Amino acid sequence: MSNPTRVIRVASLGTAPATECGGMAESVIKVVFSVDAEPRRFEIPVYIGRKEFDDGDVITVARSFFAALVGDLASQTTEWLRTEDEVKALRLPEK
């Protein structure tokens, strides 16, 4: 299947209330990754305990967590992948 342009970037960085991140007891930093895969776009938040890492390392740690997540998702969904021809065969006829 041809790969459209995909761009992954840090969209935002800030603090998040404990209620937003599964009730973590401590203050957390929320790093949001934006995934642009035309024509789709979605965001994935990564939560990091404020006391776990130095502020200067938060982006590096968040990227590592994000990469691990994406790797896990890829390994669990490889059987879902279809060739370009298989996807074309599933398309509805044009009207």
PDB file of N, CA and C in Angstrom:
ATOM      1  N   MET A   1       0.856  -1.175   0.000  1.00  0.00           N
ATOM      2  CA  MET A   1       0.000   0.000   0.000  1.00  0.00           C
ATOM      3  C   MET A   1       0.893   1.226   0.000  1.00  0.00           C
ATOM      4  N   SER A   2       0.592   2.190  -0.829  1.00  0.00           N
ATOM      5  CA  SER A   2       1.414   3.389  -0.874  1.00  0.00           C
ATOM      6  C   SER A   2       1.262   4.145   0.431  1.00  0.00           C
ATOM      7  N   ASN A   3       2.360   4.701   0.903  1.00  0.00           N
ATOM      8  CA  ASN A   3       2.344   5.409   2.172  1.00  0.00           C
ATOM      9  C   ASN A   3       2.127   6.888   1.953  1.00  0.00           C
ATOM     10  N   PRO A   4       1.010   7.409   2.451  1.00  0.00           N
ATOM     11  CA  PRO A   4       0.819   8.853   2.380  1.00  0.00           C
ATOM     12  C   PRO A   4       1.810   9.519   3.322  1.00  0.00           C
ATOM     13  N   THR A   5       1.988  10.807   3.173  1.00  0.00           N
ATOM     14  CA  THR A   5       2.878  11.533   4.059  1.00  0.00           C
ATOM     15  C   THR A   5       2.326  11.469   5.475  1.00  0.00           C
ATOM     16  N   ARG A   6       3.181  11.074   6.392  1.00  0.00           N
ATOM     17  CA  ARG A   6       2.787  11.007   7.803  1.00  0.00           C
ATOM     18  C   ARG A   6       3.754  11.860   8.599  1.00  0.00           C
ATOM     19  N   VAL A   7       3.202  12.685   9.457  1.00  0.00           N
ATOM     20  CA  VAL A   7       4.017  13.562  10.285  1.00  0.00           C
ATOM     21  C   VAL A   7       3.574  13.388  11.730  1.00  0.00           C
ATOM     22  N   ILE A   8       4.540  13.145  12.598  1.00  0.00           N
ATOM     23  CA  ILE A   8       4.262  13.039  14.033  1.00  0.00           C
ATOM     24  C   ILE A   8       5.046  14.155  14.709  1.00  0.00           C
ATOM     25  N   ARG A   9       4.347  14.921  15.545  1.00  0.00           N
ATOM     26  CA  ARG A   9       5.019  16.024  16.235  1.00  0.00           C
ATOM     27  C   ARG A   9       4.412  16.217  17.608  1.00  0.00           C
ATOM     28  N   VAL A  10       5.138  16.900  18.455  1.00  0.00           N
ATOM     29  CA  VAL A  10       4.602  17.280  19.762  1.00  0.00           C
ATOM     30  C   VAL A  10       3.679  18.466  19.526  1.00  0.00           C
ATOM     31  N   ALA A  11       2.417  18.286  19.850  1.00  0.00           N
ATOM     32  CA  ALA A  11       1.420  19.339  19.621  1.00  0.00           C
ATOM     33  C   ALA A  11       1.288  20.265  20.823  1.00  0.00           C
ATOM     34  N   SER A  12       1.420  19.696  22.023  1.00  0.00           N
ATOM     35  CA  SER A  12       1.300  20.539  23.209  1.00  0.00           C
ATOM     36  C   SER A  12       1.972  19.872  24.402  1.00  0.00           C
ATOM     37  N   LEU A  13       2.276  20.707  25.373  1.00  0.00           N
ATOM     38  CA  LEU A  13       2.932  20.272  26.602  1.00  0.00           C
ATOM     39  C   LEU A  13       2.343  21.093  27.725  1.00  0.00           C
ATOM     40  N   GLY A  14       1.891  20.424  28.773  1.00  0.00           N
ATOM     41  CA  GLY A  14       1.322  21.156  29.895  1.00  0.00           C
ATOM     42  C   GLY A  14       1.039  20.225  31.047  1.00  0.00           C
ATOM     43  N   THR A  15       0.371  20.741  32.048  1.00  0.00           N
ATOM     44  CA  THR A  15       0.006  19.912  33.193  1.00  0.00           C
ATOM     45  C   THR A  15      -1.409  19.388  32.990  1.00  0.00           C
ATOM     46  N   ALA A  16      -1.700  18.290  33.659  1.00  0.00           N
ATOM     47  CA  ALA A  16      -3.028  17.693  33.558  1.00  0.00           C
ATOM     48  C   ALA A  16      -3.513  17.334  34.956  1.00  0.00           C
ATOM     49  N   PRO A  17      -4.811  17.495  35.203  1.00  0.00           N
ATOM     50  CA  PRO A  17      -5.348  17.100  36.512  1.00  0.00           C
ATOM     51  C   PRO A  17      -5.337  15.578  36.640  1.00  0.00           C
ATOM     52  N   ALA A  18      -5.252  15.092  37.853  1.00  0.00           N
ATOM     53  CA  ALA A  18      -5.220  13.651  38.105  1.00  0.00           C
ATOM     54  C   ALA A  18      -6.446  12.952  37.523  1.00  0.00           C
ATOM     55  N   THR A  19      -7.576  13.625  37.490  1.00  0.00           N
ATOM     56  CA  THR A  19      -8.796  13.001  36.966  1.00  0.00           C
ATOM     57  C   THR A  19      -8.697  12.691  35.480  1.00  0.00           C
ATOM     58  N   GLU A  20      -7.847  13.402  34.756  1.00  0.00           N
ATOM     59  CA  GLU A  20      -7.713  13.206  33.316  1.00  0.00           C
ATOM     60  C   GLU A  20      -6.824  12.020  32.971  1.00  0.00           C
ATOM     61  N   CYS A  21      -5.991  11.602  33.890  1.00  0.00           N
ATOM     62  CA  CYS A  21      -4.995  10.578  33.564  1.00  0.00           C
ATOM     63  C   CYS A  21      -5.108   9.350  34.453  1.00  0.00           C
ATOM     64  N   GLY A  22      -6.296   8.872  34.618  1.00  0.00           N
ATOM     65  CA  GLY A  22      -6.494   7.630  35.354  1.00  0.00           C
ATOM     66  C   GLY A  22      -6.355   7.761  36.858  1.00  0.00           C
ATOM     67  N   GLY A  23      -6.487   8.966  37.365  1.00  0.00           N
ATOM     68  CA  GLY A  23      -6.464   9.161  38.812  1.00  0.00           C
ATOM     69  C   GLY A  23      -5.100   9.060  39.451  1.00  0.00           C
ATOM     70  N   MET A  24      -4.039   9.343  38.694  1.00  0.00           N
ATOM     71  CA  MET A  24      -2.705   9.352  39.295  1.00  0.00           C
ATOM     72  C   MET A  24      -2.718  10.341  40.457  1.00  0.00           C
ATOM     73  N   ALA A  25      -2.115   9.966  41.557  1.00  0.00           N
ATOM     74  CA  ALA A  25      -2.174  10.786  42.762  1.00  0.00           C
ATOM     75  C   ALA A  25      -1.381  12.082  42.643  1.00  0.00           C
ATOM     76  N   GLU A  26      -0.332  12.061  41.841  1.00  0.00           N
ATOM     77  CA  GLU A  26       0.533  13.227  41.762  1.00  0.00           C
ATOM     78  C   GLU A  26       0.199  14.098  40.555  1.00  0.00           C
ATOM     79  N   SER A  27       0.766  15.255  40.547  1.00  0.00           N
ATOM     80  CA  SER A  27       0.645  16.159  39.406  1.00  0.00           C
ATOM     81  C   SER A  27       1.367  15.533  38.218  1.00  0.00           C
ATOM     82  N   VAL A  28       0.786  15.657  37.057  1.00  0.00           N
ATOM     83  CA  VAL A  28       1.384  15.031  35.877  1.00  0.00           C
ATOM     84  C   VAL A  28       1.579  16.042  34.755  1.00  0.00           C
ATOM     85  N   ILE A  29       2.515  15.714  33.899  1.00  0.00           N
ATOM     86  CA  ILE A  29       2.753  16.491  32.691  1.00  0.00           C
ATOM     87  C   ILE A  29       2.094  15.738  31.551  1.00  0.00           C
ATOM     88  N   LYS A  30       1.382  16.465  30.718  1.00  0.00           N
ATOM     89  CA  LYS A  30       0.691  15.881  29.570  1.00  0.00           C
ATOM     90  C   LYS A  30       1.398  16.354  28.304  1.00  0.00           C
ATOM     91  N   VAL A  31       1.915  15.389  27.553  1.00  0.00           N
ATOM     92  CA  VAL A  31       2.532  15.679  26.267  1.00  0.00           C
ATOM     93  C   VAL A  31       1.600  15.097  25.211  1.00  0.00           C
ATOM     94  N   VAL A  32       1.117  15.933  24.312  1.00  0.00           N
ATOM     95  CA  VAL A  32       0.195  15.477  23.276  1.00  0.00           C
ATOM     96  C   VAL A  32       0.935  15.390  21.947  1.00  0.00           C
ATOM     97  N   PHE A  33       0.870  14.207  21.344  1.00  0.00           N
ATOM     98  CA  PHE A  33       1.462  14.000  20.027  1.00  0.00           C
ATOM     99  C   PHE A  33       0.364  14.109  18.983  1.00  0.00           C
ATOM    100  N   SER A  34       0.638  14.850  17.937  1.00  0.00           N
ATOM    101  CA  SER A  34      -0.285  14.990  16.818  1.00  0.00           C
ATOM    102  C   SER A  34       0.239  14.120  15.680  1.00  0.00           C
ATOM    103  N   VAL A  35      -0.642  13.282  15.149  1.00  0.00           N
ATOM    104  CA  VAL A  35      -0.285  12.408  14.033  1.00  0.00           C
ATOM    105  C   VAL A  35      -1.095  12.868  12.827  1.00  0.00           C
ATOM    106  N   ASP A  36      -0.382  13.360  11.821  1.00  0.00           N
ATOM    107  CA  ASP A  36      -1.027  13.790  10.578  1.00  0.00           C
ATOM    108  C   ASP A  36      -0.741  12.735   9.527  1.00  0.00           C
ATOM    109  N   ALA A  37      -1.782  12.023   9.127  1.00  0.00           N
ATOM    110  CA  ALA A  37      -1.680  10.997   8.089  1.00  0.00           C
ATOM    111  C   ALA A  37      -2.803  11.291   7.108  1.00  0.00           C
ATOM    112  N   GLU A  38      -2.531  12.192   6.191  1.00  0.00           N
ATOM    113  CA  GLU A  38      -3.568  12.699   5.294  1.00  0.00           C
ATOM    114  C   GLU A  38      -4.407  11.577   4.712  1.00  0.00           C
ATOM    115  N   PRO A  39      -5.692  11.697   4.722  1.00  0.00           N
ATOM    116  CA  PRO A  39      -6.488  12.867   5.114  1.00  0.00           C
ATOM    117  C   PRO A  39      -6.916  12.826   6.587  1.00  0.00           C
ATOM    118  N   ARG A  40      -6.294  11.998   7.385  1.00  0.00           N
ATOM    119  CA  ARG A  40      -6.683  11.856   8.781  1.00  0.00           C
ATOM    120  C   ARG A  40      -5.695  12.567   9.691  1.00  0.00           C
ATOM    121  N   ARG A  41      -6.214  12.969  10.864  1.00  0.00           N
ATOM    122  CA  ARG A  41      -5.372  13.586  11.883  1.00  0.00           C
ATOM    123  C   ARG A  41      -5.931  13.180  13.234  1.00  0.00           C
ATOM    124  N   PHE A  42      -5.041  12.771  14.132  1.00  0.00           N
ATOM    125  CA  PHE A  42      -5.493  12.444  15.475  1.00  0.00           C
ATOM    126  C   PHE A  42      -4.396  12.780  16.467  1.00  0.00           C
ATOM    127  N   GLU A  43      -4.779  12.825  17.744  1.00  0.00           N
ATOM    128  CA  GLU A  43      -3.842  13.174  18.803  1.00  0.00           C
ATOM    129  C   GLU A  43      -3.832  12.085  19.861  1.00  0.00           C
ATOM    130  N   ILE A  44      -2.645  11.864  20.428  1.00  0.00           N
ATOM    131  CA  ILE A  44      -2.478  10.863  21.473  1.00  0.00           C
ATOM    132  C   ILE A  44      -1.744  11.519  22.639  1.00  0.00           C
ATOM    133  N   PRO A  45      -2.367  11.532  23.817  1.00  0.00           N
ATOM    134  CA  PRO A  45      -1.693  12.108  24.976  1.00  0.00           C
ATOM    135  C   PRO A  45      -0.809  11.070  25.676  1.00  0.00           C
ATOM    136  N   VAL A  46       0.296  11.537  26.226  1.00  0.00           N
ATOM    137  CA  VAL A  46       1.177  10.719  27.056  1.00  0.00           C
ATOM    138  C   VAL A  46       1.308  11.459  28.380  1.00  0.00           C
ATOM    139  N   TYR A  47       1.074  10.741  29.476  1.00  0.00           N
ATOM    140  CA  TYR A  47       1.131  11.343  30.805  1.00  0.00           C
ATOM    141  C   TYR A  47       2.391  10.881  31.537  1.00  0.00           C
ATOM    142  N   ILE A  48       3.079  11.834  32.145  1.00  0.00           N
ATOM    143  CA  ILE A  48       4.314  11.538  32.854  1.00  0.00           C
ATOM    144  C   ILE A  48       4.240  12.180  34.228  1.00  0.00           C
ATOM    145  N   GLY A  49       4.537  11.390  35.252  1.00  0.00           N
ATOM    146  CA  GLY A  49       4.548  11.922  36.616  1.00  0.00           C
ATOM    147  C   GLY A  49       5.566  13.036  36.747  1.00  0.00           C
ATOM    148  N   ARG A  50       5.127  14.154  37.276  1.00  0.00           N
ATOM    149  CA  ARG A  50       5.995  15.334  37.389  1.00  0.00           C
ATOM    150  C   ARG A  50       7.241  15.040  38.228  1.00  0.00           C
ATOM    151  N   LYS A  51       7.107  14.189  39.214  1.00  0.00           N
ATOM    152  CA  LYS A  51       8.230  13.909  40.106  1.00  0.00           C
ATOM    153  C   LYS A  51       9.133  12.803  39.582  1.00  0.00           C
ATOM    154  N   GLU A  52       8.774  12.165  38.478  1.00  0.00           N
ATOM    155  CA  GLU A  52       9.553  11.040  37.960  1.00  0.00           C
ATOM    156  C   GLU A  52      10.776  11.467  37.160  1.00  0.00           C
ATOM    157  N   PHE A  53      10.686  12.602  36.448  1.00  0.00           N
ATOM    158  CA  PHE A  53      11.750  13.001  35.540  1.00  0.00           C
ATOM    159  C   PHE A  53      11.999  14.497  35.629  1.00  0.00           C
ATOM    160  N   ASP A  54      13.210  14.894  35.305  1.00  0.00           N
ATOM    161  CA  ASP A  54      13.577  16.299  35.232  1.00  0.00           C
ATOM    162  C   ASP A  54      12.789  16.950  34.087  1.00  0.00           C
ATOM    163  N   ASP A  55      12.392  18.194  34.262  1.00  0.00           N
ATOM    164  CA  ASP A  55      11.620  18.903  33.230  1.00  0.00           C
ATOM    165  C   ASP A  55      12.311  18.884  31.873  1.00  0.00           C
ATOM    166  N   GLY A  56      13.638  18.957  31.865  1.00  0.00           N
ATOM    167  CA  GLY A  56      14.378  18.962  30.609  1.00  0.00           C
ATOM    168  C   GLY A  56      14.332  17.637  29.865  1.00  0.00           C
ATOM    169  N   ASP A  57      13.949  16.564  30.558  1.00  0.00           N
ATOM    170  CA  ASP A  57      13.911  15.231  29.947  1.00  0.00           C
ATOM    171  C   ASP A  57      12.500  14.770  29.580  1.00  0.00           C
ATOM    172  N   VAL A  58      11.504  15.569  29.880  1.00  0.00           N
ATOM    173  CA  VAL A  58      10.115  15.151  29.684  1.00  0.00           C
ATOM    174  C   VAL A  58       9.812  14.792  28.226  1.00  0.00           C
ATOM    175  N   ILE A  59      10.234  15.612  27.278  1.00  0.00           N
ATOM    176  CA  ILE A  59       9.944  15.335  25.868  1.00  0.00           C
ATOM    177  C   ILE A  59      10.636  14.046  25.429  1.00  0.00           C
ATOM    178  N   THR A  60      11.875  13.852  25.844  1.00  0.00           N
ATOM    179  CA  THR A  60      12.610  12.635  25.488  1.00  0.00           C
ATOM    180  C   THR A  60      11.902  11.397  26.037  1.00  0.00           C
ATOM    181  N   VAL A  61      11.470  11.471  27.284  1.00  0.00           N
ATOM    182  CA  VAL A  61      10.775  10.341  27.913  1.00  0.00           C
ATOM    183  C   VAL A  61       9.424  10.110  27.244  1.00  0.00           C
ATOM    184  N   ALA A  62       8.696  11.180  26.972  1.00  0.00           N
ATOM    185  CA  ALA A  62       7.387  11.053  26.314  1.00  0.00           C
ATOM    186  C   ALA A  62       7.537  10.424  24.931  1.00  0.00           C
ATOM    187  N   ARG A  63       8.564  10.834  24.186  1.00  0.00           N
ATOM    188  CA  ARG A  63       8.811  10.232  22.865  1.00  0.00           C
ATOM    189  C   ARG A  63       9.100   8.743  22.997  1.00  0.00           C
ATOM    190  N   SER A  64       9.857   8.373  24.013  1.00  0.00           N
ATOM    191  CA  SER A  64      10.162   6.958  24.234  1.00  0.00           C
ATOM    192  C   SER A  64       8.891   6.173  24.553  1.00  0.00           C
ATOM    193  N   PHE A  65       8.048   6.711  25.444  1.00  0.00           N
ATOM    194  CA  PHE A  65       6.783   6.057  25.770  1.00  0.00           C
ATOM    195  C   PHE A  65       5.903   5.937  24.520  1.00  0.00           C
ATOM    196  N   PHE A  66       5.856   7.011  23.729  1.00  0.00           N
ATOM    197  CA  PHE A  66       5.051   7.014  22.506  1.00  0.00           C
ATOM    198  C   PHE A  66       5.561   5.959  21.523  1.00  0.00           C
ATOM    199  N   ALA A  67       6.882   5.889  21.338  1.00  0.00           N
ATOM    200  CA  ALA A  67       7.467   4.898  20.429  1.00  0.00           C
ATOM    201  C   ALA A  67       7.154   3.474  20.886  1.00  0.00           C
ATOM    202  N   ALA A  68       7.223   3.224  22.189  1.00  0.00           N
ATOM    203  CA  ALA A  68       6.887   1.898  22.717  1.00  0.00           C
ATOM    204  C   ALA A  68       5.421   1.568  22.460  1.00  0.00           C
ATOM    205  N   LEU A  69       4.547   2.550  22.667  1.00  0.00           N
ATOM    206  CA  LEU A  69       3.119   2.353  22.416  1.00  0.00           C
ATOM    207  C   LEU A  69       2.862   2.018  20.950  1.00  0.00           C
ATOM    208  N   VAL A  70       3.449   2.802  20.051  1.00  0.00           N
ATOM    209  CA  VAL A  70       3.257   2.582  18.622  1.00  0.00           C
ATOM    210  C   VAL A  70       3.800   1.208  18.217  1.00  0.00           C
ATOM    211  N   GLY A  71       4.939   0.826  18.768  1.00  0.00           N
ATOM    212  CA  GLY A  71       5.501  -0.489  18.480  1.00  0.00           C
ATOM    213  C   GLY A  71       4.580  -1.610  18.930  1.00  0.00           C
ATOM    214  N   ASP A  72       4.017  -1.460  20.127  1.00  0.00           N
ATOM    215  CA  ASP A  72       3.062  -2.461  20.628  1.00  0.00           C
ATOM    216  C   ASP A  72       1.834  -2.543  19.744  1.00  0.00           C
ATOM    217  N   LEU A  73       1.305  -1.382  19.354  1.00  0.00           N
ATOM    218  CA  LEU A  73       0.126  -1.360  18.479  1.00  0.00           C
ATOM    219  C   LEU A  73       0.438  -2.017  17.139  1.00  0.00           C
ATOM    220  N   ALA A  74       1.589  -1.718  16.576  1.00  0.00           N
ATOM    221  CA  ALA A  74       1.975  -2.291  15.283  1.00  0.00           C
ATOM    222  C   ALA A  74       2.082  -3.808  15.368  1.00  0.00           C
ATOM    223  N   SER A  75       2.708  -4.305  16.427  1.00  0.00           N
ATOM    224  CA  SER A  75       2.881  -5.757  16.536  1.00  0.00           C
ATOM    225  C   SER A  75       1.560  -6.475  16.771  1.00  0.00           C
ATOM    226  N   GLN A  76       0.615  -5.805  17.414  1.00  0.00           N
ATOM    227  CA  GLN A  76      -0.676  -6.426  17.693  1.00  0.00           C
ATOM    228  C   GLN A  76      -1.660  -6.322  16.532  1.00  0.00           C
ATOM    229  N   THR A  77      -1.332  -5.517  15.518  1.00  0.00           N
ATOM    230  CA  THR A  77      -2.290  -5.299  14.430  1.00  0.00           C
ATOM    231  C   THR A  77      -1.744  -5.650  13.047  1.00  0.00           C
ATOM    232  N   THR A  78      -0.603  -6.306  12.966  1.00  0.00           N
ATOM    233  CA  THR A  78      -0.027  -6.615  11.651  1.00  0.00           C
ATOM    234  C   THR A  78      -0.965  -7.447  10.796  1.00  0.00           C
ATOM    235  N   GLU A  79      -1.758  -8.303  11.406  1.00  0.00           N
ATOM    236  CA  GLU A  79      -2.683  -9.122  10.614  1.00  0.00           C
ATOM    237  C   GLU A  79      -3.825  -8.296  10.015  1.00  0.00           C
ATOM    238  N   TRP A  80      -4.005  -7.095  10.468  1.00  0.00           N
ATOM    239  CA  TRP A  80      -5.038  -6.220   9.918  1.00  0.00           C
ATOM    240  C   TRP A  80      -4.601  -5.554   8.622  1.00  0.00           C
ATOM    241  N   LEU A  81      -3.294  -5.482   8.391  1.00  0.00           N
ATOM    242  CA  LEU A  81      -2.760  -4.769   7.242  1.00  0.00           C
ATOM    243  C   LEU A  81      -3.191  -5.432   5.935  1.00  0.00           C
ATOM    244  N   ARG A  82      -3.617  -4.624   4.970  1.00  0.00           N
ATOM    245  CA  ARG A  82      -4.055  -5.111   3.659  1.00  0.00           C
ATOM    246  C   ARG A  82      -3.213  -4.455   2.573  1.00  0.00           C
ATOM    247  N   THR A  83      -3.043  -5.166   1.478  1.00  0.00           N
ATOM    248  CA  THR A  83      -2.317  -4.601   0.348  1.00  0.00           C
ATOM    249  C   THR A  83      -3.192  -3.548  -0.315  1.00  0.00           C
ATOM    250  N   GLU A  84      -2.567  -2.748  -1.161  1.00  0.00           N
ATOM    251  CA  GLU A  84      -3.317  -1.721  -1.882  1.00  0.00           C
ATOM    252  C   GLU A  84      -4.410  -2.364  -2.733  1.00  0.00           C
ATOM    253  N   ASP A  85      -4.109  -3.496  -3.370  1.00  0.00           N
ATOM    254  CA  ASP A  85      -5.107  -4.193  -4.193  1.00  0.00           C
ATOM    255  C   ASP A  85      -6.268  -4.707  -3.350  1.00  0.00           C
ATOM    256  N   GLU A  86      -5.974  -5.208  -2.157  1.00  0.00           N
ATOM    257  CA  GLU A  86      -7.043  -5.692  -1.278  1.00  0.00           C
ATOM    258  C   GLU A  86      -7.961  -4.548  -0.849  1.00  0.00           C
ATOM    259  N   VAL A  87      -7.375  -3.407  -0.563  1.00  0.00           N
ATOM    260  CA  VAL A  87      -8.184  -2.240  -0.174  1.00  0.00           C
ATOM    261  C   VAL A  87      -9.020  -1.773  -1.357  1.00  0.00           C
ATOM    262  N   LYS A  88      -8.435  -1.732  -2.539  1.00  0.00           N
ATOM    263  CA  LYS A  88      -9.196  -1.332  -3.734  1.00  0.00           C
ATOM    264  C   LYS A  88     -10.386  -2.250  -3.953  1.00  0.00           C
ATOM    265  N   ALA A  89     -10.208  -3.536  -3.728  1.00  0.00           N
ATOM    266  CA  ALA A  89     -11.290  -4.505  -3.912  1.00  0.00           C
ATOM    267  C   ALA A  89     -12.442  -4.272  -2.930  1.00  0.00           C
ATOM    268  N   LEU A  90     -12.161  -3.658  -1.816  1.00  0.00           N
ATOM    269  CA  LEU A  90     -13.185  -3.399  -0.796  1.00  0.00           C
ATOM    270  C   LEU A  90     -13.932  -2.086  -1.030  1.00  0.00           C
ATOM    271  N   ARG A  91     -13.427  -1.243  -1.885  1.00  0.00           N
ATOM    272  CA  ARG A  91     -14.069   0.059  -2.131  1.00  0.00           C
ATOM    273  C   ARG A  91     -15.436  -0.124  -2.793  1.00  0.00           C
ATOM    274  N   LEU A  92     -16.347   0.754  -2.408  1.00  0.00           N
ATOM    275  CA  LEU A  92     -17.657   0.778  -3.032  1.00  0.00           C
ATOM    276  C   LEU A  92     -17.502   1.308  -4.450  1.00  0.00           C
ATOM    277  N   PRO A  93     -18.331   0.844  -5.360  1.00  0.00           N
ATOM    278  CA  PRO A  93     -18.256   1.380  -6.727  1.00  0.00           C
ATOM    279  C   PRO A  93     -18.602   2.872  -6.746  1.00  0.00           C
ATOM    280  N   GLU A  94     -17.921   3.591  -7.613  1.00  0.00           N
ATOM    281  CA  GLU A  94     -18.212   5.027  -7.742  1.00  0.00           C
ATOM    282  C   GLU A  94     -19.565   5.198  -8.404  1.00  0.00           C
ATOM    283  N   LYS A  95     -20.268   6.249  -7.973  1.00  0.00           N
ATOM    284  CA  LYS A  95     -21.603   6.515  -8.525  1.00  0.00           C
ATOM    285  C   LYS A  95     -21.533   7.556  -9.594  1.00  0.00           C
TER     286      LYS A  95
END
